[in-house]
């Protein structure tokens, strides 16, 4: 499932629901699932999710009813940045699986506002 998801390039169609939350598509048909019948009370920030033909990334901790695949350490919304929202409609996103050690390194950098991404890494 992760390999199929990471093998796609996603188009950011819109932002909404939460600050910087991207609505992206199109999810491969084999991964297309309906929304959960019972939403979760709390989905952690950075959770990568799918529902129907759409993918998203929770930009903040929030309730949510989409299926969770994994998490990204990249902060999609960070008010410490000059442009607090990382993505914009029209951007392209490609996910790259990383191991736990690399995730922890990147998450620590992001938590301290030191995670600098190139346009390619940021999906812009």
PDB file of N, CA and C in Angstrom:
ATOM      1  N   UNK A   1       0.830  -1.190   0.000  1.00  0.00           N
ATOM      2  CA  UNK A   1       0.000   0.000   0.000  1.00  0.00           C
ATOM      3  C   UNK A   1       0.877   1.257   0.000  1.00  0.00           C
ATOM      4  N   UNK A   2       1.886   1.290   0.863  1.00  0.00           N
ATOM      5  CA  UNK A   2       2.766   2.462   0.945  1.00  0.00           C
ATOM      6  C   UNK A   2       3.516   2.650  -0.366  1.00  0.00           C
ATOM      7  N   UNK A   3       4.012   1.548  -0.950  1.00  0.00           N
ATOM      8  CA  UNK A   3       4.745   1.655  -2.218  1.00  0.00           C
ATOM      9  C   UNK A   3       3.853   2.190  -3.337  1.00  0.00           C
ATOM     10  N   UNK A   4       2.613   1.734  -3.382  1.00  0.00           N
ATOM     11  CA  UNK A   4       1.684   2.232  -4.409  1.00  0.00           C
ATOM     12  C   UNK A   4       1.445   3.728  -4.202  1.00  0.00           C
ATOM     13  N   UNK A   5       1.182   4.127  -2.964  1.00  0.00           N
ATOM     14  CA  UNK A   5       0.938   5.542  -2.666  1.00  0.00           C
ATOM     15  C   UNK A   5       2.166   6.388  -3.010  1.00  0.00           C
ATOM     16  N   UNK A   6       3.341   5.918  -2.640  1.00  0.00           N
ATOM     17  CA  UNK A   6       4.580   6.676  -2.890  1.00  0.00           C
ATOM     18  C   UNK A   6       4.954   6.688  -4.370  1.00  0.00           C
ATOM     19  N   UNK A   7       4.401   5.794  -5.152  1.00  0.00           N
ATOM     20  CA  UNK A   7       4.710   5.742  -6.575  1.00  0.00           C
ATOM     21  C   UNK A   7       3.975   6.776  -7.410  1.00  0.00           C
ATOM     22  N   UNK A   8       3.063   7.508  -6.790  1.00  0.00           N
ATOM     23  CA  UNK A   8       2.255   8.499  -7.508  1.00  0.00           C
ATOM     24  C   UNK A   8       2.764   9.918  -7.249  1.00  0.00           C
ATOM     25  N   UNK A   9       2.452  10.805  -8.172  1.00  0.00           N
ATOM     26  CA  UNK A   9       2.640  12.238  -7.962  1.00  0.00           C
ATOM     27  C   UNK A   9       1.245  12.823  -7.798  1.00  0.00           C
ATOM     28  N   UNK A  10       1.057  13.563  -6.717  1.00  0.00           N
ATOM     29  CA  UNK A  10      -0.256  14.108  -6.392  1.00  0.00           C
ATOM     30  C   UNK A  10      -0.324  15.591  -6.710  1.00  0.00           C
ATOM     31  N   UNK A  11      -1.457  16.007  -7.200  1.00  0.00           N
ATOM     32  CA  UNK A  11      -1.730  17.400  -7.542  1.00  0.00           C
ATOM     33  C   UNK A  11      -2.502  18.034  -6.384  1.00  0.00           C
ATOM     34  N   UNK A  12      -2.037  19.181  -5.896  1.00  0.00           N
ATOM     35  CA  UNK A  12      -2.773  19.899  -4.860  1.00  0.00           C
ATOM     36  C   UNK A  12      -3.894  20.672  -5.553  1.00  0.00           C
ATOM     37  N   UNK A  13      -5.137  20.248  -5.296  1.00  0.00           N
ATOM     38  CA  UNK A  13      -6.294  20.888  -5.907  1.00  0.00           C
ATOM     39  C   UNK A  13      -6.755  22.103  -5.116  1.00  0.00           C
ATOM     40  N   UNK A  14      -6.715  21.995  -3.800  1.00  0.00           N
ATOM     41  CA  UNK A  14      -7.228  23.079  -2.959  1.00  0.00           C
ATOM     42  C   UNK A  14      -6.657  22.931  -1.553  1.00  0.00           C
ATOM     43  N   UNK A  15      -6.754  24.009  -0.786  1.00  0.00           N
ATOM     44  CA  UNK A  15      -6.404  23.995   0.634  1.00  0.00           C
ATOM     45  C   UNK A  15      -7.669  24.282   1.424  1.00  0.00           C
ATOM     46  N   UNK A  16      -7.783  23.662   2.589  1.00  0.00           N
ATOM     47  CA  UNK A  16      -8.957  23.938   3.400  1.00  0.00           C
ATOM     48  C   UNK A  16      -9.062  23.015   4.584  1.00  0.00           C
ATOM     49  N   UNK A  17     -10.194  23.062   5.262  1.00  0.00           N
ATOM     50  CA  UNK A  17     -10.499  22.278   6.450  1.00  0.00           C
ATOM     51  C   UNK A  17      -9.652  22.728   7.633  1.00  0.00           C
ATOM     52  N   UNK A  18      -8.347  22.743   7.481  1.00  0.00           N
ATOM     53  CA  UNK A  18      -7.388  23.258   8.463  1.00  0.00           C
ATOM     54  C   UNK A  18      -6.423  24.166   7.710  1.00  0.00           C
ATOM     55  N   UNK A  19      -5.736  25.078   8.381  1.00  0.00           N
ATOM     56  CA  UNK A  19      -4.758  25.919   7.685  1.00  0.00           C
ATOM     57  C   UNK A  19      -3.681  25.067   7.003  1.00  0.00           C
ATOM     58  N   UNK A  20      -3.572  25.199   5.710  1.00  0.00           N
ATOM     59  CA  UNK A  20      -2.545  24.486   4.962  1.00  0.00           C
ATOM     60  C   UNK A  20      -2.865  23.039   4.628  1.00  0.00           C
ATOM     61  N   UNK A  21      -4.068  22.565   4.961  1.00  0.00           N
ATOM     62  CA  UNK A  21      -4.446  21.177   4.668  1.00  0.00           C
ATOM     63  C   UNK A  21      -4.667  21.023   3.164  1.00  0.00           C
ATOM     64  N   UNK A  22      -3.861  20.182   2.481  1.00  0.00           N
ATOM     65  CA  UNK A  22      -4.032  20.034   1.032  1.00  0.00           C
ATOM     66  C   UNK A  22      -5.015  18.924   0.665  1.00  0.00           C
ATOM     67  N   UNK A  23      -5.907  19.228  -0.250  1.00  0.00           N
ATOM     68  CA  UNK A  23      -6.742  18.222  -0.890  1.00  0.00           C
ATOM     69  C   UNK A  23      -6.022  17.854  -2.180  1.00  0.00           C
ATOM     70  N   UNK A  24      -5.555  16.606  -2.250  1.00  0.00           N
ATOM     71  CA  UNK A  24      -4.709  16.183  -3.366  1.00  0.00           C
ATOM     72  C   UNK A  24      -5.325  14.992  -4.091  1.00  0.00           C
ATOM     73  N   UNK A  25      -4.984  14.849  -5.323  1.00  0.00           N
ATOM     74  CA  UNK A  25      -5.430  13.702  -6.109  1.00  0.00           C
ATOM     75  C   UNK A  25      -4.419  13.414  -7.198  1.00  0.00           C
ATOM     76  N   UNK A  26      -4.629  12.405  -7.849  1.00  0.00           N
ATOM     77  CA  UNK A  26      -5.713  11.460  -7.649  1.00  0.00           C
ATOM     78  C   UNK A  26      -5.127  10.169  -7.092  1.00  0.00           C
ATOM     79  N   UNK A  27      -5.784   9.620  -6.094  1.00  0.00           N
ATOM     80  CA  UNK A  27      -5.351   8.372  -5.467  1.00  0.00           C
ATOM     81  C   UNK A  27      -5.603   7.227  -6.450  1.00  0.00           C
ATOM     82  N   UNK A  28      -4.632   6.305  -6.610  1.00  0.00           N
ATOM     83  CA  UNK A  28      -4.871   5.148  -7.480  1.00  0.00           C
ATOM     84  C   UNK A  28      -6.138   4.396  -7.052  1.00  0.00           C
ATOM     85  N   UNK A  29      -6.869   3.896  -8.006  1.00  0.00           N
ATOM     86  CA  UNK A  29      -8.147   3.241  -7.723  1.00  0.00           C
ATOM     87  C   UNK A  29      -8.002   2.105  -6.711  1.00  0.00           C
ATOM     88  N   UNK A  30      -6.904   1.389  -6.748  1.00  0.00           N
ATOM     89  CA  UNK A  30      -6.705   0.269  -5.821  1.00  0.00           C
ATOM     90  C   UNK A  30      -6.646   0.741  -4.363  1.00  0.00           C
ATOM     91  N   UNK A  31      -6.320   2.005  -4.128  1.00  0.00           N
ATOM     92  CA  UNK A  31      -6.255   2.563  -2.774  1.00  0.00           C
ATOM     93  C   UNK A  31      -7.512   3.344  -2.393  1.00  0.00           C
ATOM     94  N   UNK A  32      -8.431   3.497  -3.304  1.00  0.00           N
ATOM     95  CA  UNK A  32      -9.629   4.296  -3.057  1.00  0.00           C
ATOM     96  C   UNK A  32     -10.530   3.623  -2.014  1.00  0.00           C
ATOM     97  N   UNK A  33     -10.756   4.327  -0.913  1.00  0.00           N
ATOM     98  CA  UNK A  33     -11.607   3.836   0.172  1.00  0.00           C
ATOM     99  C   UNK A  33     -12.608   4.922   0.548  1.00  0.00           C
ATOM    100  N   UNK A  34     -13.808   4.533   0.964  1.00  0.00           N
ATOM    101  CA  UNK A  34     -14.747   5.561   1.447  1.00  0.00           C
ATOM    102  C   UNK A  34     -14.252   6.131   2.773  1.00  0.00           C
ATOM    103  N   UNK A  35     -14.786   7.264   3.152  1.00  0.00           N
ATOM    104  CA  UNK A  35     -14.466   7.817   4.474  1.00  0.00           C
ATOM    105  C   UNK A  35     -14.824   6.790   5.542  1.00  0.00           C
ATOM    106  N   UNK A  36     -14.163   6.887   6.682  1.00  0.00           N
ATOM    107  CA  UNK A  36     -14.485   6.008   7.809  1.00  0.00           C
ATOM    108  C   UNK A  36     -15.907   6.283   8.289  1.00  0.00           C
ATOM    109  N   UNK A  37     -16.600   5.252   8.716  1.00  0.00           N
ATOM    110  CA  UNK A  37     -17.955   5.443   9.247  1.00  0.00           C
ATOM    111  C   UNK A  37     -17.932   6.256  10.529  1.00  0.00           C
ATOM    112  N   UNK A  38     -16.908   6.045  11.348  1.00  0.00           N
ATOM    113  CA  UNK A  38     -16.766   6.780  12.604  1.00  0.00           C
ATOM    114  C   UNK A  38     -15.451   7.543  12.578  1.00  0.00           C
ATOM    115  N   UNK A  39     -15.492   8.865  12.511  1.00  0.00           N
ATOM    116  CA  UNK A  39     -14.245   9.641  12.508  1.00  0.00           C
ATOM    117  C   UNK A  39     -13.467   9.450  13.818  1.00  0.00           C
ATOM    118  N   UNK A  40     -12.165   9.605  13.724  1.00  0.00           N
ATOM    119  CA  UNK A  40     -11.313   9.599  14.910  1.00  0.00           C
ATOM    120  C   UNK A  40     -11.484  10.922  15.642  1.00  0.00           C
ATOM    121  N   UNK A  41     -11.349  10.896  16.947  1.00  0.00           N
ATOM    122  CA  UNK A  41     -11.443  12.111  17.744  1.00  0.00           C
ATOM    123  C   UNK A  41     -10.195  12.968  17.550  1.00  0.00           C
ATOM    124  N   UNK A  42      -9.032  12.322  17.395  1.00  0.00           N
ATOM    125  CA  UNK A  42      -7.789  13.078  17.201  1.00  0.00           C
ATOM    126  C   UNK A  42      -6.884  12.347  16.220  1.00  0.00           C
ATOM    127  N   UNK A  43      -6.528  13.052  15.169  1.00  0.00           N
ATOM    128  CA  UNK A  43      -5.558  12.581  14.191  1.00  0.00           C
ATOM    129  C   UNK A  43      -4.321  13.452  14.368  1.00  0.00           C
ATOM    130  N   UNK A  44      -3.144  12.850  14.521  1.00  0.00           N
ATOM    131  CA  UNK A  44      -1.934  13.649  14.735  1.00  0.00           C
ATOM    132  C   UNK A  44      -1.532  14.483  13.509  1.00  0.00           C
ATOM    133  N   UNK A  45      -1.001  15.662  13.782  1.00  0.00           N
ATOM    134  CA  UNK A  45      -0.457  16.517  12.735  1.00  0.00           C
ATOM    135  C   UNK A  45       0.541  15.707  11.904  1.00  0.00           C
ATOM    136  N   UNK A  46       0.506  15.916  10.601  1.00  0.00           N
ATOM    137  CA  UNK A  46       1.430  15.234   9.703  1.00  0.00           C
ATOM    138  C   UNK A  46       0.913  13.908   9.181  1.00  0.00           C
ATOM    139  N   UNK A  47      -0.261  13.475   9.638  1.00  0.00           N
ATOM    140  CA  UNK A  47      -0.817  12.204   9.164  1.00  0.00           C
ATOM    141  C   UNK A  47      -1.200  12.320   7.698  1.00  0.00           C
ATOM    142  N   UNK A  48      -0.720  11.378   6.909  1.00  0.00           N
ATOM    143  CA  UNK A  48      -1.048  11.292   5.490  1.00  0.00           C
ATOM    144  C   UNK A  48      -2.266  10.379   5.387  1.00  0.00           C
ATOM    145  N   UNK A  49      -3.276  10.830   4.653  1.00  0.00           N
ATOM    146  CA  UNK A  49      -4.548  10.114   4.663  1.00  0.00           C
ATOM    147  C   UNK A  49      -5.149  10.035   3.262  1.00  0.00           C
ATOM    148  N   UNK A  50      -6.116   9.114   3.125  1.00  0.00           N
ATOM    149  CA  UNK A  50      -6.849   8.959   1.868  1.00  0.00           C
ATOM    150  C   UNK A  50      -8.333   8.755   2.152  1.00  0.00           C
ATOM    151  N   UNK A  51      -9.150   9.202   1.214  1.00  0.00           N
ATOM    152  CA  UNK A  51     -10.588   8.941   1.202  1.00  0.00           C
ATOM    153  C   UNK A  51     -11.057   9.124  -0.236  1.00  0.00           C
ATOM    154  N   UNK A  52     -11.708   8.100  -0.745  1.00  0.00           N
ATOM    155  CA  UNK A  52     -12.155   8.080  -2.139  1.00  0.00           C
ATOM    156  C   UNK A  52     -10.949   8.323  -3.046  1.00  0.00           C
ATOM    157  N   UNK A  53     -11.025   9.269  -3.959  1.00  0.00           N
ATOM    158  CA  UNK A  53      -9.916   9.524  -4.880  1.00  0.00           C
ATOM    159  C   UNK A  53      -8.967  10.606  -4.374  1.00  0.00           C
ATOM    160  N   UNK A  54      -9.156  11.044  -3.127  1.00  0.00           N
ATOM    161  CA  UNK A  54      -8.374  12.163  -2.595  1.00  0.00           C
ATOM    162  C   UNK A  54      -7.360  11.695  -1.551  1.00  0.00           C
ATOM    163  N   UNK A  55      -6.292  12.459  -1.439  1.00  0.00           N
ATOM    164  CA  UNK A  55      -5.291  12.281  -0.387  1.00  0.00           C
ATOM    165  C   UNK A  55      -5.179  13.606   0.344  1.00  0.00           C
ATOM    166  N   UNK A  56      -4.722  13.556   1.560  1.00  0.00           N
ATOM    167  CA  UNK A  56      -4.546  14.769   2.348  1.00  0.00           C
ATOM    168  C   UNK A  56      -3.435  14.582   3.363  1.00  0.00           C
ATOM    169  N   UNK A  57      -3.087  15.672   4.019  1.00  0.00           N
ATOM    170  CA  UNK A  57      -2.114  15.643   5.111  1.00  0.00           C
ATOM    171  C   UNK A  57      -2.663  16.558   6.199  1.00  0.00           C
ATOM    172  N   UNK A  58      -2.875  16.019   7.384  1.00  0.00           N
ATOM    173  CA  UNK A  58      -3.375  16.828   8.494  1.00  0.00           C
ATOM    174  C   UNK A  58      -2.303  17.830   8.903  1.00  0.00           C
ATOM    175  N   UNK A  59      -2.599  19.098   8.759  1.00  0.00           N
ATOM    176  CA  UNK A  59      -1.621  20.150   9.046  1.00  0.00           C
ATOM    177  C   UNK A  59      -1.557  20.493  10.536  1.00  0.00           C
ATOM    178  N   UNK A  60      -2.557  20.082  11.285  1.00  0.00           N
ATOM    179  CA  UNK A  60      -2.615  20.256  12.742  1.00  0.00           C
ATOM    180  C   UNK A  60      -3.292  19.023  13.330  1.00  0.00           C
ATOM    181  N   UNK A  61      -3.138  18.793  14.634  1.00  0.00           N
ATOM    182  CA  UNK A  61      -3.932  17.754  15.293  1.00  0.00           C
ATOM    183  C   UNK A  61      -5.399  18.112  15.121  1.00  0.00           C
ATOM    184  N   UNK A  62      -6.222  17.115  14.788  1.00  0.00           N
ATOM    185  CA  UNK A  62      -7.614  17.419  14.477  1.00  0.00           C
ATOM    186  C   UNK A  62      -8.441  16.141  14.484  1.00  0.00           C
ATOM    187  N   UNK A  63      -9.742  16.247  14.668  1.00  0.00           N
ATOM    188  CA  UNK A  63     -10.599  15.097  14.379  1.00  0.00           C
ATOM    189  C   UNK A  63     -10.541  14.818  12.881  1.00  0.00           C
ATOM    190  N   UNK A  64     -10.852  13.595  12.487  1.00  0.00           N
ATOM    191  CA  UNK A  64     -10.846  13.305  11.058  1.00  0.00           C
ATOM    192  C   UNK A  64     -11.399  11.937  10.734  1.00  0.00           C
ATOM    193  N   UNK A  65     -11.949  11.812   9.543  1.00  0.00           N
ATOM    194  CA  UNK A  65     -12.585  10.577   9.124  1.00  0.00           C
ATOM    195  C   UNK A  65     -11.948   9.897   7.932  1.00  0.00           C
ATOM    196  N   UNK A  66     -10.729  10.285   7.593  1.00  0.00           N
ATOM    197  CA  UNK A  66     -10.049   9.655   6.468  1.00  0.00           C
ATOM    198  C   UNK A  66      -9.174   8.517   6.976  1.00  0.00           C
ATOM    199  N   UNK A  67      -8.791   7.623   6.087  1.00  0.00           N
ATOM    200  CA  UNK A  67      -7.924   6.490   6.436  1.00  0.00           C
ATOM    201  C   UNK A  67      -6.477   6.956   6.478  1.00  0.00           C
ATOM    202  N   UNK A  68      -5.764   6.576   7.526  1.00  0.00           N
ATOM    203  CA  UNK A  68      -4.378   7.011   7.724  1.00  0.00           C
ATOM    204  C   UNK A  68      -3.410   6.006   7.121  1.00  0.00           C
ATOM    205  N   UNK A  69      -2.423   6.531   6.399  1.00  0.00           N
ATOM    206  CA  UNK A  69      -1.397   5.688   5.796  1.00  0.00           C
ATOM    207  C   UNK A  69      -0.086   5.739   6.584  1.00  0.00           C
ATOM    208  N   UNK A  70       0.352   6.940   6.882  1.00  0.00           N
ATOM    209  CA  UNK A  70       1.632   7.177   7.551  1.00  0.00           C
ATOM    210  C   UNK A  70       1.672   8.626   7.969  1.00  0.00           C
ATOM    211  N   UNK A  71       2.871   9.095   8.378  1.00  0.00           N
ATOM    212  CA  UNK A  71       3.010  10.495   8.787  1.00  0.00           C
ATOM    213  C   UNK A  71       4.227  11.105   8.112  1.00  0.00           C
ATOM    214  N   UNK A  72       4.174  12.415   7.967  1.00  0.00           N
ATOM    215  CA  UNK A  72       5.309  13.178   7.464  1.00  0.00           C
ATOM    216  C   UNK A  72       5.780  14.132   8.559  1.00  0.00           C
ATOM    217  N   UNK A  73       7.100  14.338   8.661  1.00  0.00           N
ATOM    218  CA  UNK A  73       7.608  15.303   9.630  1.00  0.00           C
ATOM    219  C   UNK A  73       7.519  16.742   9.128  1.00  0.00           C
ATOM    220  N   UNK A  74       7.195  16.936   7.869  1.00  0.00           N
ATOM    221  CA  UNK A  74       7.125  18.268   7.273  1.00  0.00           C
ATOM    222  C   UNK A  74       5.939  19.023   7.859  1.00  0.00           C
ATOM    223  N   UNK A  75       6.172  20.242   8.286  1.00  0.00           N
ATOM    224  CA  UNK A  75       5.098  21.086   8.830  1.00  0.00           C
ATOM    225  C   UNK A  75       4.432  21.835   7.680  1.00  0.00           C
ATOM    226  N   UNK A  76       3.182  21.514   7.408  1.00  0.00           N
ATOM    227  CA  UNK A  76       2.464  22.192   6.322  1.00  0.00           C
ATOM    228  C   UNK A  76       2.006  23.576   6.737  1.00  0.00           C
ATOM    229  N   UNK A  77       1.806  23.765   8.030  1.00  0.00           N
ATOM    230  CA  UNK A  77       1.433  25.071   8.561  1.00  0.00           C
ATOM    231  C   UNK A  77       2.363  25.372   9.726  1.00  0.00           C
ATOM    232  N   UNK A  78       3.099  26.466   9.596  1.00  0.00           N
ATOM    233  CA  UNK A  78       4.035  26.863  10.652  1.00  0.00           C
ATOM    234  C   UNK A  78       4.072  28.390  10.690  1.00  0.00           C
ATOM    235  N   UNK A  79       3.421  29.012  11.671  1.00  0.00           N
ATOM    236  CA  UNK A  79       3.349  30.474  11.730  1.00  0.00           C
ATOM    237  C   UNK A  79       4.706  31.149  11.938  1.00  0.00           C
ATOM    238  N   UNK A  80       5.763  30.377  12.215  1.00  0.00           N
ATOM    239  CA  UNK A  80       7.103  30.961  12.343  1.00  0.00           C
ATOM    240  C   UNK A  80       7.713  31.305  10.995  1.00  0.00           C
ATOM    241  N   UNK A  81       7.199  30.703   9.918  1.00  0.00           N
ATOM    242  CA  UNK A  81       7.726  30.965   8.580  1.00  0.00           C
ATOM    243  C   UNK A  81       7.122  32.243   8.014  1.00  0.00           C
ATOM    244  N   UNK A  82       7.838  32.896   7.109  1.00  0.00           N
ATOM    245  CA  UNK A  82       7.316  34.088   6.442  1.00  0.00           C
ATOM    246  C   UNK A  82       6.008  33.765   5.723  1.00  0.00           C
ATOM    247  N   UNK A  83       5.964  32.636   5.038  1.00  0.00           N
ATOM    248  CA  UNK A  83       4.731  32.127   4.441  1.00  0.00           C
ATOM    249  C   UNK A  83       4.333  30.916   5.270  1.00  0.00           C
ATOM    250  N   UNK A  84       3.392  31.086   6.158  1.00  0.00           N
ATOM    251  CA  UNK A  84       3.039  30.048   7.136  1.00  0.00           C
ATOM    252  C   UNK A  84       2.526  28.763   6.491  1.00  0.00           C
ATOM    253  N   UNK A  85       1.942  28.872   5.305  1.00  0.00           N
ATOM    254  CA  UNK A  85       1.391  27.713   4.603  1.00  0.00           C
ATOM    255  C   UNK A  85       2.395  27.262   3.550  1.00  0.00           C
ATOM    256  N   UNK A  86       2.778  25.979   3.602  1.00  0.00           N
ATOM    257  CA  UNK A  86       3.834  25.464   2.730  1.00  0.00           C
ATOM    258  C   UNK A  86       3.376  25.239   1.293  1.00  0.00           C
ATOM    259  N   UNK A  87       2.182  24.691   1.113  1.00  0.00           N
ATOM    260  CA  UNK A  87       1.723  24.295  -0.220  1.00  0.00           C
ATOM    261  C   UNK A  87       0.686  25.262  -0.767  1.00  0.00           C
ATOM    262  N   UNK A  88       0.475  25.173  -2.070  1.00  0.00           N
ATOM    263  CA  UNK A  88      -0.524  26.009  -2.739  1.00  0.00           C
ATOM    264  C   UNK A  88      -1.204  25.179  -3.823  1.00  0.00           C
ATOM    265  N   UNK A  89      -2.447  25.511  -4.173  1.00  0.00           N
ATOM    266  CA  UNK A  89      -3.093  24.829  -5.288  1.00  0.00           C
ATOM    267  C   UNK A  89      -2.202  24.883  -6.527  1.00  0.00           C
ATOM    268  N   UNK A  90      -2.128  23.751  -7.216  1.00  0.00           N
ATOM    269  CA  UNK A  90      -1.281  23.633  -8.393  1.00  0.00           C
ATOM    270  C   UNK A  90       0.042  22.952  -8.115  1.00  0.00           C
ATOM    271  N   UNK A  91       0.469  22.913  -6.846  1.00  0.00           N
ATOM    272  CA  UNK A  91       1.714  22.226  -6.499  1.00  0.00           C
ATOM    273  C   UNK A  91       1.578  20.735  -6.761  1.00  0.00           C
ATOM    274  N   UNK A  92       2.712  20.083  -6.968  1.00  0.00           N
ATOM    275  CA  UNK A  92       2.776  18.633  -7.139  1.00  0.00           C
ATOM    276  C   UNK A  92       3.537  18.058  -5.948  1.00  0.00           C
ATOM    277  N   UNK A  93       3.044  16.930  -5.425  1.00  0.00           N
ATOM    278  CA  UNK A  93       3.630  16.289  -4.255  1.00  0.00           C
ATOM    279  C   UNK A  93       3.978  14.846  -4.593  1.00  0.00           C
ATOM    280  N   UNK A  94       5.173  14.441  -4.214  1.00  0.00           N
ATOM    281  CA  UNK A  94       5.594  13.045  -4.333  1.00  0.00           C
ATOM    282  C   UNK A  94       6.111  12.626  -2.973  1.00  0.00           C
ATOM    283  N   UNK A  95       5.552  11.572  -2.424  1.00  0.00           N
ATOM    284  CA  UNK A  95       5.942  11.078  -1.107  1.00  0.00           C
ATOM    285  C   UNK A  95       7.138  10.149  -1.232  1.00  0.00           C
ATOM    286  N   UNK A  96       8.029  10.235  -0.263  1.00  0.00           N
ATOM    287  CA  UNK A  96       9.199   9.367  -0.222  1.00  0.00           C
ATOM    288  C   UNK A  96       9.235   8.659   1.126  1.00  0.00           C
ATOM    289  N   UNK A  97       9.080   7.332   1.120  1.00  0.00           N
ATOM    290  CA  UNK A  97       9.160   6.611   2.392  1.00  0.00           C
ATOM    291  C   UNK A  97      10.543   6.782   3.026  1.00  0.00           C
ATOM    292  N   UNK A  98      10.559   6.967   4.341  1.00  0.00           N
ATOM    293  CA  UNK A  98      11.811   7.096   5.089  1.00  0.00           C
ATOM    294  C   UNK A  98      11.736   6.199   6.320  1.00  0.00           C
ATOM    295  N   UNK A  99      12.900   5.855   6.852  1.00  0.00           N
ATOM    296  CA  UNK A  99      12.899   5.019   8.046  1.00  0.00           C
ATOM    297  C   UNK A  99      12.687   5.866   9.296  1.00  0.00           C
ATOM    298  N   UNK A 100      12.501   5.215  10.426  1.00  0.00           N
ATOM    299  CA  UNK A 100      12.179   5.908  11.675  1.00  0.00           C
ATOM    300  C   UNK A 100      13.291   6.858  12.104  1.00  0.00           C
ATOM    301  N   UNK A 101      14.545   6.459  11.921  1.00  0.00           N
ATOM    302  CA  UNK A 101      15.661   7.321  12.309  1.00  0.00           C
ATOM    303  C   UNK A 101      15.625   8.629  11.535  1.00  0.00           C
ATOM    304  N   UNK A 102      15.425   8.543  10.228  1.00  0.00           N
ATOM    305  CA  UNK A 102      15.360   9.751   9.394  1.00  0.00           C
ATOM    306  C   UNK A 102      14.139  10.590   9.752  1.00  0.00           C
ATOM    307  N   UNK A 103      13.008   9.931  10.009  1.00  0.00           N
ATOM    308  CA  UNK A 103      11.799  10.654  10.414  1.00  0.00           C
ATOM    309  C   UNK A 103      12.077  11.460  11.681  1.00  0.00           C
ATOM    310  N   UNK A 104      12.671  10.820  12.679  1.00  0.00           N
ATOM    311  CA  UNK A 104      12.945  11.501  13.945  1.00  0.00           C
ATOM    312  C   UNK A 104      13.886  12.697  13.755  1.00  0.00           C
ATOM    313  N   UNK A 105      14.893  12.544  12.888  1.00  0.00           N
ATOM    314  CA  UNK A 105      15.808  13.659  12.600  1.00  0.00           C
ATOM    315  C   UNK A 105      15.058  14.831  11.972  1.00  0.00           C
ATOM    316  N   UNK A 106      14.265  14.549  10.954  1.00  0.00           N
ATOM    317  CA  UNK A 106      13.526  15.601  10.261  1.00  0.00           C
ATOM    318  C   UNK A 106      12.470  16.232  11.169  1.00  0.00           C
ATOM    319  N   UNK A 107      11.832  15.420  12.005  1.00  0.00           N
ATOM    320  CA  UNK A 107      10.815  15.940  12.911  1.00  0.00           C
ATOM    321  C   UNK A 107      11.434  16.886  13.935  1.00  0.00           C
ATOM    322  N   UNK A 108      12.623  16.546  14.432  1.00  0.00           N
ATOM    323  CA  UNK A 108      13.308  17.425  15.386  1.00  0.00           C
ATOM    324  C   UNK A 108      13.671  18.752  14.723  1.00  0.00           C
ATOM    325  N   UNK A 109      14.140  18.708  13.487  1.00  0.00           N
ATOM    326  CA  UNK A 109      14.445  19.942  12.749  1.00  0.00           C
ATOM    327  C   UNK A 109      13.183  20.777  12.555  1.00  0.00           C
ATOM    328  N   UNK A 110      12.089  20.129  12.166  1.00  0.00           N
ATOM    329  CA  UNK A 110      10.824  20.837  11.931  1.00  0.00           C
ATOM    330  C   UNK A 110      10.295  21.452  13.221  1.00  0.00           C
ATOM    331  N   UNK A 111      10.403  20.727  14.321  1.00  0.00           N
ATOM    332  CA  UNK A 111       9.892  21.221  15.604  1.00  0.00           C
ATOM    333  C   UNK A 111      10.609  22.487  16.055  1.00  0.00           C
ATOM    334  N   UNK A 112      11.859  22.632  15.639  1.00  0.00           N
ATOM    335  CA  UNK A 112      12.648  23.815  16.005  1.00  0.00           C
ATOM    336  C   UNK A 112      12.692  24.852  14.887  1.00  0.00           C
ATOM    337  N   UNK A 113      11.878  24.638  13.834  1.00  0.00           N
ATOM    338  CA  UNK A 113      11.817  25.601  12.736  1.00  0.00           C
ATOM    339  C   UNK A 113      13.046  25.595  11.848  1.00  0.00           C
ATOM    340  N   UNK A 114      13.777  24.485  11.843  1.00  0.00           N
ATOM    341  CA  UNK A 114      15.027  24.420  11.073  1.00  0.00           C
ATOM    342  C   UNK A 114      14.951  23.480   9.881  1.00  0.00           C
ATOM    343  N   UNK A 115      13.773  22.951   9.571  1.00  0.00           N
ATOM    344  CA  UNK A 115      13.667  22.049   8.437  1.00  0.00           C
ATOM    345  C   UNK A 115      13.505  22.895   7.180  1.00  0.00           C
ATOM    346  N   UNK A 116      14.566  22.980   6.393  1.00  0.00           N
ATOM    347  CA  UNK A 116      14.547  23.749   5.151  1.00  0.00           C
ATOM    348  C   UNK A 116      14.377  22.778   4.001  1.00  0.00           C
ATOM    349  N   UNK A 117      13.396  23.032   3.151  1.00  0.00           N
ATOM    350  CA  UNK A 117      13.122  22.172   2.005  1.00  0.00           C
ATOM    351  C   UNK A 117      13.414  22.902   0.713  1.00  0.00           C
ATOM    352  N   UNK A 118      13.865  22.137  -0.271  1.00  0.00           N
ATOM    353  CA  UNK A 118      13.994  22.702  -1.611  1.00  0.00           C
ATOM    354  C   UNK A 118      12.619  22.654  -2.255  1.00  0.00           C
ATOM    355  N   UNK A 119      12.459  23.351  -3.365  1.00  0.00           N
ATOM    356  CA  UNK A 119      11.174  23.345  -4.062  1.00  0.00           C
ATOM    357  C   UNK A 119      10.770  21.924  -4.422  1.00  0.00           C
ATOM    358  N   UNK A 120      11.706  21.102  -4.834  1.00  0.00           N
ATOM    359  CA  UNK A 120      11.392  19.730  -5.170  1.00  0.00           C
ATOM    360  C   UNK A 120      10.922  18.963  -3.947  1.00  0.00           C
ATOM    361  N   UNK A 121      11.603  19.137  -2.810  1.00  0.00           N
ATOM    362  CA  UNK A 121      11.217  18.445  -1.574  1.00  0.00           C
ATOM    363  C   UNK A 121       9.881  18.957  -1.053  1.00  0.00           C
ATOM    364  N   UNK A 122       9.641  20.235  -1.185  1.00  0.00           N
ATOM    365  CA  UNK A 122       8.409  20.822  -0.665  1.00  0.00           C
ATOM    366  C   UNK A 122       7.238  20.556  -1.598  1.00  0.00           C
ATOM    367  N   UNK A 123       7.511  20.107  -2.782  1.00  0.00           N
ATOM    368  CA  UNK A 123       6.434  19.819  -3.709  1.00  0.00           C
ATOM    369  C   UNK A 123       6.020  21.016  -4.532  1.00  0.00           C
ATOM    370  N   UNK A 124       6.747  22.104  -4.430  1.00  0.00           N
ATOM    371  CA  UNK A 124       6.377  23.314  -5.173  1.00  0.00           C
ATOM    372  C   UNK A 124       6.873  23.262  -6.587  1.00  0.00           C
TER     373      UNK A 124
END
